[in-house]
Amino acid sequence: MTTLAKVPCTIVTGFLGAGKTTLVRHLLENAKGRRLAVIVNEFGDVGIDGEILKSCGIESCPEDAIVELANGCICCTVADDFVPALKSLLDRPNPPEHIVIETSGLALPKPLVKAFNWPEIASRVTVDGVVTVVDGAAVAAGRFADDPEAIARQRAEDESLDHDNPLEEVFEDQLLCADLVILNKSDLMSAQQRQDVTAEIARTLPRAVKLVEAQNGQVPIAVLLGLGAEAESDLGSRPSHHELEGEHDHDDFDTFIVDLPVFDSPQVVVDRLAKATAAHDILRMKGFVDIAGKPMRLLVQGVGARFQHQYDRRWPADAARQGRLVVIGEKGLDKAGIEALILG
């Protein structure tokens, strides 16, 4: 079967809070009738990102075409989760014309790209491209390296240098596998910061890769889809820090769920989350909140000290209104201390 007969798949990767789900939602809302399906991987057991996407109500991507893979990193559970999920979409009576795969923020994209060479799916799908979403404001603040210039100099001197910071390795592996880099949240950066971050990313990329600036993940569908990379046949040009590892785990990270009470206002929620983030080493928060007197649930997302919130959809009429929050951070999070600050 030729590549033209295969269903193209776009892998959307990027670090925690970079804006992957926002970008995928924008893509769905602008599909213009193209029949899409989405596989979304969660880090943790609450499908926040899947729920965000299902709230789109897009005819070209109904809720049953959005498949959630939870309780495991997609790059570590290829055989058990990813391949069966992909086959289930391909075997539908009216299969998708394009599949979008959103990895968790801690996933390494290269093992996932390799999976497209598995015999069960190799003749049916191809990786149209790996799109890496970068939180430009976070990188400008040095979130992934204490001294990026010093690390760049060390890498230039010793290409086999091992990195002590697992966050830096994950971030770099996502860039090293990219066919397109989206510098998201560019509106939160100065012109000089955009220039500096672009130069820093260019030093990491192993080959010529287009970089596109974006706000709120708003990138034209024609830019995101149709890259024609056939990435599964181009693994040699996508180096990885984890090349020699048979598998990797996420023992360096903690994640837990906080069941939330009803809050009087969005600002009360944000103030408490900001206080918890300031006191603890939290990387990411995301979840839904029940605001008293409001028929819609409040979607709250936090990256470092930055928080966004919006009402995204009505609470289900056939279920209790239960707010829940996912907290992600480096190993050793003080769960009790964080919960105390959030719950008051």
C-alpha atoms as a PDB file:
ATOM      1  CA  MET A   1       0.000   0.000   0.000  1.00  0.00           C
ATOM      2  CA  THR A   2       1.419   3.371  -0.934  1.00  0.00           C
ATOM      3  CA  THR A   3       1.809   6.271   1.468  1.00  0.00           C
ATOM      4  CA  LEU A   4      -0.978   8.098  -0.368  1.00  0.00           C
ATOM      5  CA  ALA A   5      -3.394   5.338   0.646  1.00  0.00           C
ATOM      6  CA  LYS A   6      -2.441   5.554   4.314  1.00  0.00           C
ATOM      7  CA  VAL A   7      -4.342   7.656   6.833  1.00  0.00           C
ATOM      8  CA  PRO A   8      -2.106  10.573   7.854  1.00  0.00           C
ATOM      9  CA  CYS A   9      -1.528  11.140  11.572  1.00  0.00           C
ATOM     10  CA  THR A  10      -0.226  14.296  13.221  1.00  0.00           C
ATOM     11  CA  ILE A  11       1.514  13.932  16.581  1.00  0.00           C
ATOM     12  CA  VAL A  12       1.131  17.022  18.766  1.00  0.00           C
ATOM     13  CA  THR A  13       3.705  17.043  21.539  1.00  0.00           C
ATOM     14  CA  GLY A  14       5.068  19.621  23.927  1.00  0.00           C
ATOM     15  CA  PHE A  15       5.879  20.174  27.561  1.00  0.00           C
ATOM     16  CA  LEU A  16       3.360  20.593  30.373  1.00  0.00           C
ATOM     17  CA  GLY A  17       1.146  23.615  29.812  1.00  0.00           C
ATOM     18  CA  ALA A  18       2.535  24.532  26.404  1.00  0.00           C
ATOM     19  CA  GLY A  19      -0.962  24.752  24.904  1.00  0.00           C
ATOM     20  CA  LYS A  20      -1.334  21.431  23.082  1.00  0.00           C
ATOM     21  CA  THR A  21      -5.007  20.926  23.890  1.00  0.00           C
ATOM     22  CA  THR A  22      -5.806  24.535  22.956  1.00  0.00           C
ATOM     23  CA  LEU A  23      -4.081  24.029  19.607  1.00  0.00           C
ATOM     24  CA  VAL A  24      -5.920  20.744  18.951  1.00  0.00           C
ATOM     25  CA  ARG A  25      -9.237  22.334  19.858  1.00  0.00           C
ATOM     26  CA  HIS A  26      -8.543  25.214  17.459  1.00  0.00           C
ATOM     27  CA  LEU A  27      -7.719  22.648  14.765  1.00  0.00           C
ATOM     28  CA  LEU A  28     -11.017  20.821  15.339  1.00  0.00           C
ATOM     29  CA  GLU A  29     -13.020  24.029  15.267  1.00  0.00           C
ATOM     30  CA  ASN A  30     -11.492  24.939  11.909  1.00  0.00           C
ATOM     31  CA  ALA A  31     -11.530  21.522  10.225  1.00  0.00           C
ATOM     32  CA  LYS A  32     -13.995  22.775   7.581  1.00  0.00           C
ATOM     33  CA  GLY A  33     -15.699  19.431   7.168  1.00  0.00           C
ATOM     34  CA  ARG A  34     -12.580  17.277   7.170  1.00  0.00           C
ATOM     35  CA  ARG A  35     -13.332  14.076   9.088  1.00  0.00           C
ATOM     36  CA  LEU A  36     -10.948  13.981  12.029  1.00  0.00           C
ATOM     37  CA  ALA A  37     -10.304  11.768  15.033  1.00  0.00           C
ATOM     38  CA  VAL A  38      -8.243  12.498  18.128  1.00  0.00           C
ATOM     39  CA  ILE A  39      -6.272  10.279  20.494  1.00  0.00           C
ATOM     40  CA  VAL A  40      -5.424  12.190  23.655  1.00  0.00           C
ATOM     41  CA  ASN A  41      -3.054  10.867  26.314  1.00  0.00           C
ATOM     42  CA  GLU A  42      -3.425  12.008  29.916  1.00  0.00           C
ATOM     43  CA  PHE A  43      -0.760  11.974  32.629  1.00  0.00           C
ATOM     44  CA  GLY A  44      -2.886  10.866  35.570  1.00  0.00           C
ATOM     45  CA  ASP A  45      -6.298   9.242  35.718  1.00  0.00           C
ATOM     46  CA  VAL A  46      -8.627  12.203  35.148  1.00  0.00           C
ATOM     47  CA  GLY A  47      -9.435  13.002  31.518  1.00  0.00           C
ATOM     48  CA  ILE A  48      -9.291  16.783  31.693  1.00  0.00           C
ATOM     49  CA  ASP A  49      -7.865  17.297  28.191  1.00  0.00           C
ATOM     50  CA  GLY A  50     -10.296  14.815  26.663  1.00  0.00           C
ATOM     51  CA  GLU A  51     -13.187  16.615  28.335  1.00  0.00           C
ATOM     52  CA  ILE A  52     -11.954  19.961  26.981  1.00  0.00           C
ATOM     53  CA  LEU A  53     -11.903  18.573  23.440  1.00  0.00           C
ATOM     54  CA  LYS A  54     -15.272  16.844  23.748  1.00  0.00           C
ATOM     55  CA  SER A  55     -16.837  20.148  24.736  1.00  0.00           C
ATOM     56  CA  CYS A  56     -16.122  21.516  21.245  1.00  0.00           C
ATOM     57  CA  GLY A  57     -19.282  20.001  19.757  1.00  0.00           C
ATOM     58  CA  ILE A  58     -17.685  19.803  16.310  1.00  0.00           C
ATOM     59  CA  GLU A  59     -19.633  17.748  13.750  1.00  0.00           C
ATOM     60  CA  SER A  60     -16.484  16.636  11.912  1.00  0.00           C
ATOM     61  CA  CYS A  61     -15.078  15.188  15.151  1.00  0.00           C
ATOM     62  CA  PRO A  62     -17.890  13.790  17.325  1.00  0.00           C
ATOM     63  CA  GLU A  63     -17.269  12.707  20.914  1.00  0.00           C
ATOM     64  CA  ASP A  64     -16.933   9.034  19.967  1.00  0.00           C
ATOM     65  CA  ALA A  65     -14.024   9.959  17.671  1.00  0.00           C
ATOM     66  CA  ILE A  66     -12.052  11.312  20.633  1.00  0.00           C
ATOM     67  CA  VAL A  67     -10.209   8.464  22.335  1.00  0.00           C
ATOM     68  CA  GLU A  68      -8.647   9.018  25.762  1.00  0.00           C
ATOM     69  CA  LEU A  69      -5.652   7.011  26.969  1.00  0.00           C
ATOM     70  CA  ALA A  70      -5.124   7.518  30.702  1.00  0.00           C
ATOM     71  CA  ASN A  71      -3.041   5.880  33.425  1.00  0.00           C
ATOM     72  CA  GLY A  72       0.145   5.711  31.422  1.00  0.00           C
ATOM     73  CA  CYS A  73       2.413   7.617  29.112  1.00  0.00           C
ATOM     74  CA  ILE A  74       1.501   6.848  25.502  1.00  0.00           C
ATOM     75  CA  CYS A  75       5.154   6.276  24.568  1.00  0.00           C
ATOM     76  CA  CYS A  76       5.421   3.589  27.284  1.00  0.00           C
ATOM     77  CA  THR A  77       2.172   1.738  26.526  1.00  0.00           C
ATOM     78  CA  VAL A  78       2.314   1.442  22.739  1.00  0.00           C
ATOM     79  CA  ALA A  79       1.352  -2.231  22.509  1.00  0.00           C
ATOM     80  CA  ASP A  80      -1.284  -2.215  25.238  1.00  0.00           C
ATOM     81  CA  ASP A  81      -3.019   1.084  24.532  1.00  0.00           C
ATOM     82  CA  PHE A  82      -1.928   3.065  21.492  1.00  0.00           C
ATOM     83  CA  VAL A  83      -1.967   0.451  18.714  1.00  0.00           C
ATOM     84  CA  PRO A  84      -5.396  -0.951  19.728  1.00  0.00           C
ATOM     85  CA  ALA A  85      -6.815   2.595  19.966  1.00  0.00           C
ATOM     86  CA  LEU A  86      -5.477   3.463  16.520  1.00  0.00           C
ATOM     87  CA  LYS A  87      -6.846   0.248  15.017  1.00  0.00           C
ATOM     88  CA  SER A  88     -10.273   0.876  16.543  1.00  0.00           C
ATOM     89  CA  LEU A  89     -10.447   4.229  14.745  1.00  0.00           C
ATOM     90  CA  LEU A  90      -9.240   2.775  11.450  1.00  0.00           C
ATOM     91  CA  ASP A  91     -11.784  -0.046  11.648  1.00  0.00           C
ATOM     92  CA  ARG A  92     -14.758   2.298  12.022  1.00  0.00           C
ATOM     93  CA  PRO A  93     -17.384   2.073   9.227  1.00  0.00           C
ATOM     94  CA  ASN A  94     -16.563   5.668   8.330  1.00  0.00           C
ATOM     95  CA  PRO A  95     -12.867   5.972   9.286  1.00  0.00           C
ATOM     96  CA  PRO A  96     -11.225   9.359   9.843  1.00  0.00           C
ATOM     97  CA  GLU A  97      -9.449  11.177   7.046  1.00  0.00           C
ATOM     98  CA  HIS A  98      -6.801  12.435   9.476  1.00  0.00           C
ATOM     99  CA  ILE A  99      -5.913  11.430  13.046  1.00  0.00           C
ATOM    100  CA  VAL A 100      -4.466  13.865  15.576  1.00  0.00           C
ATOM    101  CA  ILE A 101      -2.553  12.397  18.524  1.00  0.00           C
ATOM    102  CA  GLU A 102      -1.981  14.640  21.530  1.00  0.00           C
ATOM    103  CA  THR A 103       0.694  13.235  23.837  1.00  0.00           C
ATOM    104  CA  SER A 104       0.989  13.990  27.522  1.00  0.00           C
ATOM    105  CA  GLY A 105       3.390  16.737  28.504  1.00  0.00           C
ATOM    106  CA  LEU A 106       5.922  14.176  29.719  1.00  0.00           C
ATOM    107  CA  ALA A 107       5.907  11.918  26.658  1.00  0.00           C
ATOM    108  CA  LEU A 108       8.886  11.320  24.406  1.00  0.00           C
ATOM    109  CA  PRO A 109       7.652  11.479  20.797  1.00  0.00           C
ATOM    110  CA  LYS A 110      10.250   9.265  19.104  1.00  0.00           C
ATOM    111  CA  PRO A 111       9.069   5.928  20.578  1.00  0.00           C
ATOM    112  CA  LEU A 112       5.578   6.824  19.401  1.00  0.00           C
ATOM    113  CA  VAL A 113       6.841   7.577  15.893  1.00  0.00           C
ATOM    114  CA  LYS A 114       8.644   4.227  15.890  1.00  0.00           C
ATOM    115  CA  ALA A 115       5.358   2.490  16.692  1.00  0.00           C
ATOM    116  CA  PHE A 116       4.047   3.413  13.246  1.00  0.00           C
ATOM    117  CA  ASN A 117       6.393   0.756  11.866  1.00  0.00           C
ATOM    118  CA  TRP A 118       4.600  -1.976  13.811  1.00  0.00           C
ATOM    119  CA  PRO A 119       3.239  -4.609  11.361  1.00  0.00           C
ATOM    120  CA  GLU A 120      -0.348  -4.226  12.645  1.00  0.00           C
ATOM    121  CA  ILE A 121      -0.560  -0.607  11.475  1.00  0.00           C
ATOM    122  CA  ALA A 122       2.414   0.066   9.180  1.00  0.00           C
ATOM    123  CA  SER A 123       0.413  -0.396   5.981  1.00  0.00           C
ATOM    124  CA  ARG A 124      -2.512   1.715   7.182  1.00  0.00           C
ATOM    125  CA  VAL A 125      -1.102   4.901   8.710  1.00  0.00           C
ATOM    126  CA  THR A 126       1.779   7.330   8.358  1.00  0.00           C
ATOM    127  CA  VAL A 127       3.100  10.146  10.536  1.00  0.00           C
ATOM    128  CA  ASP A 128       2.253  13.254   8.532  1.00  0.00           C
ATOM    129  CA  GLY A 129       4.320  15.282  10.985  1.00  0.00           C
ATOM    130  CA  VAL A 130       5.384  15.846  14.581  1.00  0.00           C
ATOM    131  CA  VAL A 131       4.217  19.258  15.796  1.00  0.00           C
ATOM    132  CA  THR A 132       5.987  20.430  18.950  1.00  0.00           C
ATOM    133  CA  VAL A 133       4.254  23.171  20.927  1.00  0.00           C
ATOM    134  CA  VAL A 134       6.522  25.362  23.059  1.00  0.00           C
ATOM    135  CA  ASP A 135       5.438  27.667  25.874  1.00  0.00           C
ATOM    136  CA  GLY A 136       7.539  30.602  24.713  1.00  0.00           C
ATOM    137  CA  ALA A 137       7.045  32.649  27.876  1.00  0.00           C
ATOM    138  CA  ALA A 138       8.150  29.734  30.075  1.00  0.00           C
ATOM    139  CA  VAL A 139      11.280  29.100  28.013  1.00  0.00           C
ATOM    140  CA  ALA A 140      12.091  32.820  28.085  1.00  0.00           C
ATOM    141  CA  ALA A 141      11.956  32.587  31.871  1.00  0.00           C
ATOM    142  CA  GLY A 142      14.474  29.715  31.834  1.00  0.00           C
ATOM    143  CA  ARG A 143      12.024  27.089  33.060  1.00  0.00           C
ATOM    144  CA  PHE A 144      13.918  24.220  31.451  1.00  0.00           C
ATOM    145  CA  ALA A 145      17.494  25.231  32.184  1.00  0.00           C
ATOM    146  CA  ASP A 146      19.158  27.160  34.959  1.00  0.00           C
ATOM    147  CA  ASP A 147      21.705  28.608  32.507  1.00  0.00           C
ATOM    148  CA  PRO A 148      20.793  27.812  28.876  1.00  0.00           C
ATOM    149  CA  GLU A 149      23.912  29.481  27.462  1.00  0.00           C
ATOM    150  CA  ALA A 150      26.225  27.475  29.718  1.00  0.00           C
ATOM    151  CA  ILE A 151      24.470  24.245  28.769  1.00  0.00           C
ATOM    152  CA  ALA A 152      24.730  25.121  25.066  1.00  0.00           C
ATOM    153  CA  ARG A 153      28.477  25.674  25.456  1.00  0.00           C
ATOM    154  CA  GLN A 154      28.893  22.357  27.270  1.00  0.00           C
ATOM    155  CA  ARG A 155      26.948  20.523  24.583  1.00  0.00           C
ATOM    156  CA  ALA A 156      29.152  22.044  21.902  1.00  0.00           C
ATOM    157  CA  GLU A 157      32.210  20.698  23.690  1.00  0.00           C
ATOM    158  CA  ASP A 158      30.823  17.250  24.490  1.00  0.00           C
ATOM    159  CA  GLU A 159      28.014  15.828  22.367  1.00  0.00           C
ATOM    160  CA  SER A 160      27.703  12.781  24.646  1.00  0.00           C
ATOM    161  CA  LEU A 161      27.019  14.924  27.697  1.00  0.00           C
ATOM    162  CA  ASP A 162      24.389  13.465  29.990  1.00  0.00           C
ATOM    163  CA  HIS A 163      21.857  15.895  31.439  1.00  0.00           C
ATOM    164  CA  ASP A 164      21.041  15.926  35.123  1.00  0.00           C
ATOM    165  CA  ASN A 165      17.709  17.671  34.680  1.00  0.00           C
ATOM    166  CA  PRO A 166      14.989  15.301  33.350  1.00  0.00           C
ATOM    167  CA  LEU A 167      12.758  18.250  32.449  1.00  0.00           C
ATOM    168  CA  GLU A 168      15.424  19.560  30.114  1.00  0.00           C
ATOM    169  CA  GLU A 169      15.762  16.148  28.476  1.00  0.00           C
ATOM    170  CA  VAL A 170      12.035  15.765  27.879  1.00  0.00           C
ATOM    171  CA  PHE A 171      11.806  19.276  26.454  1.00  0.00           C
ATOM    172  CA  GLU A 172      14.760  18.714  24.123  1.00  0.00           C
ATOM    173  CA  ASP A 173      13.560  15.304  22.925  1.00  0.00           C
ATOM    174  CA  GLN A 174      10.282  16.903  21.905  1.00  0.00           C
ATOM    175  CA  LEU A 175      12.179  19.493  19.859  1.00  0.00           C
ATOM    176  CA  LEU A 176      14.603  16.958  18.364  1.00  0.00           C
ATOM    177  CA  CYS A 177      11.708  14.966  16.875  1.00  0.00           C
ATOM    178  CA  ALA A 178       9.788  17.964  15.477  1.00  0.00           C
ATOM    179  CA  ASP A 179       8.786  18.654  11.882  1.00  0.00           C
ATOM    180  CA  LEU A 180       7.149  21.918  12.936  1.00  0.00           C
ATOM    181  CA  VAL A 181       7.645  23.993  16.096  1.00  0.00           C
ATOM    182  CA  ILE A 182       4.858  26.242  17.372  1.00  0.00           C
ATOM    183  CA  LEU A 183       6.182  29.040  19.581  1.00  0.00           C
ATOM    184  CA  ASN A 184       2.982  29.503  21.537  1.00  0.00           C
ATOM    185  CA  LYS A 185       1.999  32.356  23.879  1.00  0.00           C
ATOM    186  CA  SER A 186       4.096  34.768  21.850  1.00  0.00           C
ATOM    187  CA  ASP A 187       1.861  37.587  23.070  1.00  0.00           C
ATOM    188  CA  LEU A 188       3.366  37.121  26.543  1.00  0.00           C
ATOM    189  CA  MET A 189       6.890  37.760  25.253  1.00  0.00           C
ATOM    190  CA  SER A 190       8.787  40.864  24.225  1.00  0.00           C
ATOM    191  CA  ALA A 191      10.325  41.106  20.764  1.00  0.00           C
ATOM    192  CA  GLN A 192      13.761  40.435  22.269  1.00  0.00           C
ATOM    193  CA  GLN A 193      12.491  37.392  24.150  1.00  0.00           C
ATOM    194  CA  ARG A 194      10.937  35.966  20.988  1.00  0.00           C
ATOM    195  CA  GLN A 195      14.242  36.452  19.180  1.00  0.00           C
ATOM    196  CA  ASP A 196      16.254  34.864  22.001  1.00  0.00           C
ATOM    197  CA  VAL A 197      13.953  31.864  22.400  1.00  0.00           C
ATOM    198  CA  THR A 198      13.847  31.280  18.644  1.00  0.00           C
ATOM    199  CA  ALA A 199      17.657  31.274  18.573  1.00  0.00           C
ATOM    200  CA  GLU A 200      17.790  28.882  21.548  1.00  0.00           C
ATOM    201  CA  ILE A 201      15.379  26.473  19.877  1.00  0.00           C
ATOM    202  CA  ALA A 202      17.315  26.675  16.599  1.00  0.00           C
ATOM    203  CA  ARG A 203      20.471  25.589  18.438  1.00  0.00           C
ATOM    204  CA  THR A 204      18.654  22.493  19.692  1.00  0.00           C
ATOM    205  CA  LEU A 205      17.038  21.440  16.412  1.00  0.00           C
ATOM    206  CA  PRO A 206      19.139  18.876  14.506  1.00  0.00           C
ATOM    207  CA  ARG A 207      17.872  19.966  11.074  1.00  0.00           C
ATOM    208  CA  ALA A 208      15.974  22.702   9.302  1.00  0.00           C
ATOM    209  CA  VAL A 209      12.541  22.903  10.928  1.00  0.00           C
ATOM    210  CA  LYS A 210       9.988  25.666  10.450  1.00  0.00           C
ATOM    211  CA  LEU A 211       9.071  27.679  13.567  1.00  0.00           C
ATOM    212  CA  VAL A 212       5.718  29.472  13.711  1.00  0.00           C
ATOM    213  CA  GLU A 213       4.701  31.988  16.375  1.00  0.00           C
ATOM    214  CA  ALA A 214       1.185  31.679  17.774  1.00  0.00           C
ATOM    215  CA  GLN A 215      -1.199  33.038  20.368  1.00  0.00           C
ATOM    216  CA  ASN A 216      -3.654  30.663  22.082  1.00  0.00           C
ATOM    217  CA  GLY A 217      -2.674  27.882  19.684  1.00  0.00           C
ATOM    218  CA  GLN A 218      -4.245  29.644  16.718  1.00  0.00           C
ATOM    219  CA  VAL A 219      -2.398  28.193  13.738  1.00  0.00           C
ATOM    220  CA  PRO A 220      -4.094  27.639  10.345  1.00  0.00           C
ATOM    221  CA  ILE A 221      -5.051  24.030   9.674  1.00  0.00           C
ATOM    222  CA  ALA A 222      -3.170  24.200   6.371  1.00  0.00           C
ATOM    223  CA  VAL A 223       0.030  24.839   8.336  1.00  0.00           C
ATOM    224  CA  LEU A 224      -0.529  22.000  10.826  1.00  0.00           C
ATOM    225  CA  LEU A 225      -1.745  19.255   8.496  1.00  0.00           C
ATOM    226  CA  GLY A 226      -0.302  18.037   5.223  1.00  0.00           C
ATOM    227  CA  LEU A 227       3.389  18.194   6.162  1.00  0.00           C
ATOM    228  CA  GLY A 228       4.011  14.860   4.422  1.00  0.00           C
ATOM    229  CA  ALA A 229       6.980  14.069   6.653  1.00  0.00           C
ATOM    230  CA  GLU A 230       6.593  10.262   6.763  1.00  0.00           C
ATOM    231  CA  ALA A 231       8.423  10.579  10.083  1.00  0.00           C
ATOM    232  CA  GLU A 232       8.404   6.833  10.752  1.00  0.00           C
ATOM    233  CA  SER A 233      10.741   6.446   7.747  1.00  0.00           C
ATOM    234  CA  ASP A 234      12.994   9.280   8.894  1.00  0.00           C
ATOM    235  CA  LEU A 235      13.992   8.164  12.403  1.00  0.00           C
ATOM    236  CA  GLY A 236      17.714   8.665  11.807  1.00  0.00           C
ATOM    237  CA  SER A 237      17.367  12.451  11.659  1.00  0.00           C
ATOM    238  CA  ARG A 238      15.534  12.552  15.008  1.00  0.00           C
ATOM    239  CA  PRO A 239      18.132  11.986  17.754  1.00  0.00           C
ATOM    240  CA  SER A 240      17.053  11.381  21.354  1.00  0.00           C
ATOM    241  CA  HIS A 241      18.608  11.498  24.807  1.00  0.00           C
ATOM    242  CA  HIS A 242      16.870   8.177  25.466  1.00  0.00           C
ATOM    243  CA  GLU A 243      18.071   6.375  22.322  1.00  0.00           C
ATOM    244  CA  LEU A 244      19.608   3.453  24.190  1.00  0.00           C
ATOM    245  CA  GLU A 245      16.782   2.973  26.682  1.00  0.00           C
ATOM    246  CA  GLY A 246      14.340   0.154  26.092  1.00  0.00           C
ATOM    247  CA  GLU A 247      11.764   2.135  28.017  1.00  0.00           C
ATOM    248  CA  HIS A 248      11.566   5.086  30.347  1.00  0.00           C
ATOM    249  CA  ASP A 249       9.416   5.915  33.310  1.00  0.00           C
ATOM    250  CA  HIS A 250       8.218   9.005  35.097  1.00  0.00           C
ATOM    251  CA  ASP A 251       9.550   8.348  38.568  1.00  0.00           C
ATOM    252  CA  ASP A 252      10.860  11.924  38.627  1.00  0.00           C
ATOM    253  CA  PHE A 253       7.299  13.285  38.662  1.00  0.00           C
ATOM    254  CA  ASP A 254       4.289  13.152  40.944  1.00  0.00           C
ATOM    255  CA  THR A 255       0.651  13.658  40.039  1.00  0.00           C
ATOM    256  CA  PHE A 256      -2.444  13.544  42.205  1.00  0.00           C
ATOM    257  CA  ILE A 257      -6.100  14.570  42.187  1.00  0.00           C
ATOM    258  CA  VAL A 258      -7.783  17.092  44.479  1.00  0.00           C
ATOM    259  CA  ASP A 259     -11.562  16.853  44.814  1.00  0.00           C
ATOM    260  CA  LEU A 260     -12.818  20.427  45.017  1.00  0.00           C
ATOM    261  CA  PRO A 261     -15.760  21.928  46.937  1.00  0.00           C
ATOM    262  CA  VAL A 262     -18.064  24.590  45.543  1.00  0.00           C
ATOM    263  CA  PHE A 263     -16.356  28.005  45.314  1.00  0.00           C
ATOM    264  CA  ASP A 264     -18.008  31.416  45.495  1.00  0.00           C
ATOM    265  CA  SER A 265     -16.076  32.942  42.576  1.00  0.00           C
ATOM    266  CA  PRO A 266     -13.344  32.177  40.026  1.00  0.00           C
ATOM    267  CA  GLN A 267     -11.008  34.650  41.705  1.00  0.00           C
ATOM    268  CA  VAL A 268     -11.131  32.744  44.990  1.00  0.00           C
ATOM    269  CA  VAL A 269     -10.073  29.604  43.118  1.00  0.00           C
ATOM    270  CA  VAL A 270      -7.209  31.307  41.280  1.00  0.00           C
ATOM    271  CA  ASP A 271      -5.961  33.009  44.453  1.00  0.00           C
ATOM    272  CA  ARG A 272      -5.757  29.695  46.297  1.00  0.00           C
ATOM    273  CA  LEU A 273      -4.065  27.899  43.403  1.00  0.00           C
ATOM    274  CA  ALA A 274      -1.551  30.728  43.060  1.00  0.00           C
ATOM    275  CA  LYS A 275      -0.799  30.533  46.772  1.00  0.00           C
ATOM    276  CA  ALA A 276      -0.214  26.780  46.561  1.00  0.00           C
ATOM    277  CA  THR A 277       2.035  27.191  43.518  1.00  0.00           C
ATOM    278  CA  ALA A 278       4.116  29.866  45.245  1.00  0.00           C
ATOM    279  CA  ALA A 279       4.676  27.599  48.251  1.00  0.00           C
ATOM    280  CA  HIS A 280       5.361  24.328  46.405  1.00  0.00           C
ATOM    281  CA  ASP A 281       7.228  23.109  43.310  1.00  0.00           C
ATOM    282  CA  ILE A 282       4.136  22.650  41.125  1.00  0.00           C
ATOM    283  CA  LEU A 283       4.590  22.463  37.359  1.00  0.00           C
ATOM    284  CA  ARG A 284       1.012  22.244  36.166  1.00  0.00           C
ATOM    285  CA  MET A 285      -2.583  22.396  37.397  1.00  0.00           C
ATOM    286  CA  LYS A 286      -5.715  21.772  35.380  1.00  0.00           C
ATOM    287  CA  GLY A 287      -9.276  20.886  36.191  1.00  0.00           C
ATOM    288  CA  PHE A 288     -12.930  21.831  36.490  1.00  0.00           C
ATOM    289  CA  VAL A 289     -14.508  23.854  39.293  1.00  0.00           C
ATOM    290  CA  ASP A 290     -18.103  24.229  40.490  1.00  0.00           C
ATOM    291  CA  ILE A 291     -18.871  27.927  40.992  1.00  0.00           C
ATOM    292  CA  ALA A 292     -21.940  28.628  43.131  1.00  0.00           C
ATOM    293  CA  GLY A 293     -24.959  29.701  41.111  1.00  0.00           C
ATOM    294  CA  LYS A 294     -23.335  29.064  37.722  1.00  0.00           C
ATOM    295  CA  PRO A 295     -24.805  26.431  35.368  1.00  0.00           C
ATOM    296  CA  MET A 296     -21.468  25.952  33.577  1.00  0.00           C
ATOM    297  CA  ARG A 297     -18.293  24.411  34.895  1.00  0.00           C
ATOM    298  CA  LEU A 298     -15.179  26.558  35.215  1.00  0.00           C
ATOM    299  CA  LEU A 299     -12.118  25.267  33.398  1.00  0.00           C
ATOM    300  CA  VAL A 300      -8.934  26.310  35.227  1.00  0.00           C
ATOM    301  CA  GLN A 301      -5.412  25.798  33.881  1.00  0.00           C
ATOM    302  CA  GLY A 302      -2.161  26.862  35.483  1.00  0.00           C
ATOM    303  CA  VAL A 303       1.448  26.826  34.324  1.00  0.00           C
ATOM    304  CA  GLY A 304       3.819  27.976  37.013  1.00  0.00           C
ATOM    305  CA  ALA A 305       2.439  31.228  38.377  1.00  0.00           C
ATOM    306  CA  ARG A 306       0.226  31.876  35.322  1.00  0.00           C
ATOM    307  CA  PHE A 307      -3.449  30.875  35.450  1.00  0.00           C
ATOM    308  CA  GLN A 308      -6.279  30.982  32.943  1.00  0.00           C
ATOM    309  CA  HIS A 309      -9.939  30.236  33.534  1.00  0.00           C
ATOM    310  CA  GLN A 310     -13.132  30.179  31.494  1.00  0.00           C
ATOM    311  CA  TYR A 311     -16.597  28.618  31.572  1.00  0.00           C
ATOM    312  CA  ASP A 312     -16.451  25.881  28.959  1.00  0.00           C
ATOM    313  CA  ARG A 313     -19.700  23.872  29.099  1.00  0.00           C
ATOM    314  CA  ARG A 314     -22.734  23.050  31.220  1.00  0.00           C
ATOM    315  CA  TRP A 315     -22.446  20.476  33.951  1.00  0.00           C
ATOM    316  CA  PRO A 316     -24.056  17.151  32.941  1.00  0.00           C
ATOM    317  CA  ALA A 317     -27.675  16.989  34.032  1.00  0.00           C
ATOM    318  CA  ASP A 318     -27.427  13.299  34.946  1.00  0.00           C
ATOM    319  CA  ALA A 319     -24.402  13.513  37.277  1.00  0.00           C
ATOM    320  CA  ALA A 320     -23.273  15.342  40.397  1.00  0.00           C
ATOM    321  CA  ARG A 321     -21.356  18.590  39.966  1.00  0.00           C
ATOM    322  CA  GLN A 322     -17.957  17.532  41.285  1.00  0.00           C
ATOM    323  CA  GLY A 323     -14.950  19.776  40.826  1.00  0.00           C
ATOM    324  CA  ARG A 324     -11.604  18.021  40.362  1.00  0.00           C
ATOM    325  CA  LEU A 325      -8.076  19.274  39.857  1.00  0.00           C
ATOM    326  CA  VAL A 326      -4.970  17.502  38.561  1.00  0.00           C
ATOM    327  CA  VAL A 327      -1.689  18.627  40.159  1.00  0.00           C
ATOM    328  CA  ILE A 328       1.611  17.713  38.471  1.00  0.00           C
ATOM    329  CA  GLY A 329       5.092  18.419  39.771  1.00  0.00           C
ATOM    330  CA  GLU A 330       8.517  16.988  40.367  1.00  0.00           C
ATOM    331  CA  LYS A 331       8.983  14.077  42.758  1.00  0.00           C
ATOM    332  CA  GLY A 332       8.373  14.837  46.417  1.00  0.00           C
ATOM    333  CA  LEU A 333       5.300  17.064  46.231  1.00  0.00           C
ATOM    334  CA  ASP A 334       3.733  17.782  49.616  1.00  0.00           C
ATOM    335  CA  LYS A 335       0.238  16.552  48.792  1.00  0.00           C
ATOM    336  CA  ALA A 336      -1.228  17.348  52.190  1.00  0.00           C
ATOM    337  CA  GLY A 337       0.290  20.840  52.230  1.00  0.00           C
ATOM    338  CA  ILE A 338      -0.936  21.626  48.719  1.00  0.00           C
ATOM    339  CA  GLU A 339      -4.441  20.345  49.453  1.00  0.00           C
ATOM    340  CA  ALA A 340      -4.597  22.445  52.612  1.00  0.00           C
ATOM    341  CA  LEU A 341      -3.795  25.622  50.681  1.00  0.00           C
ATOM    342  CA  ILE A 342      -6.271  24.838  47.900  1.00  0.00           C
ATOM    343  CA  LEU A 343      -9.149  23.723  50.090  1.00  0.00           C
ATOM    344  CA  GLY A 344      -8.625  26.409  52.726  1.00  0.00           C
END
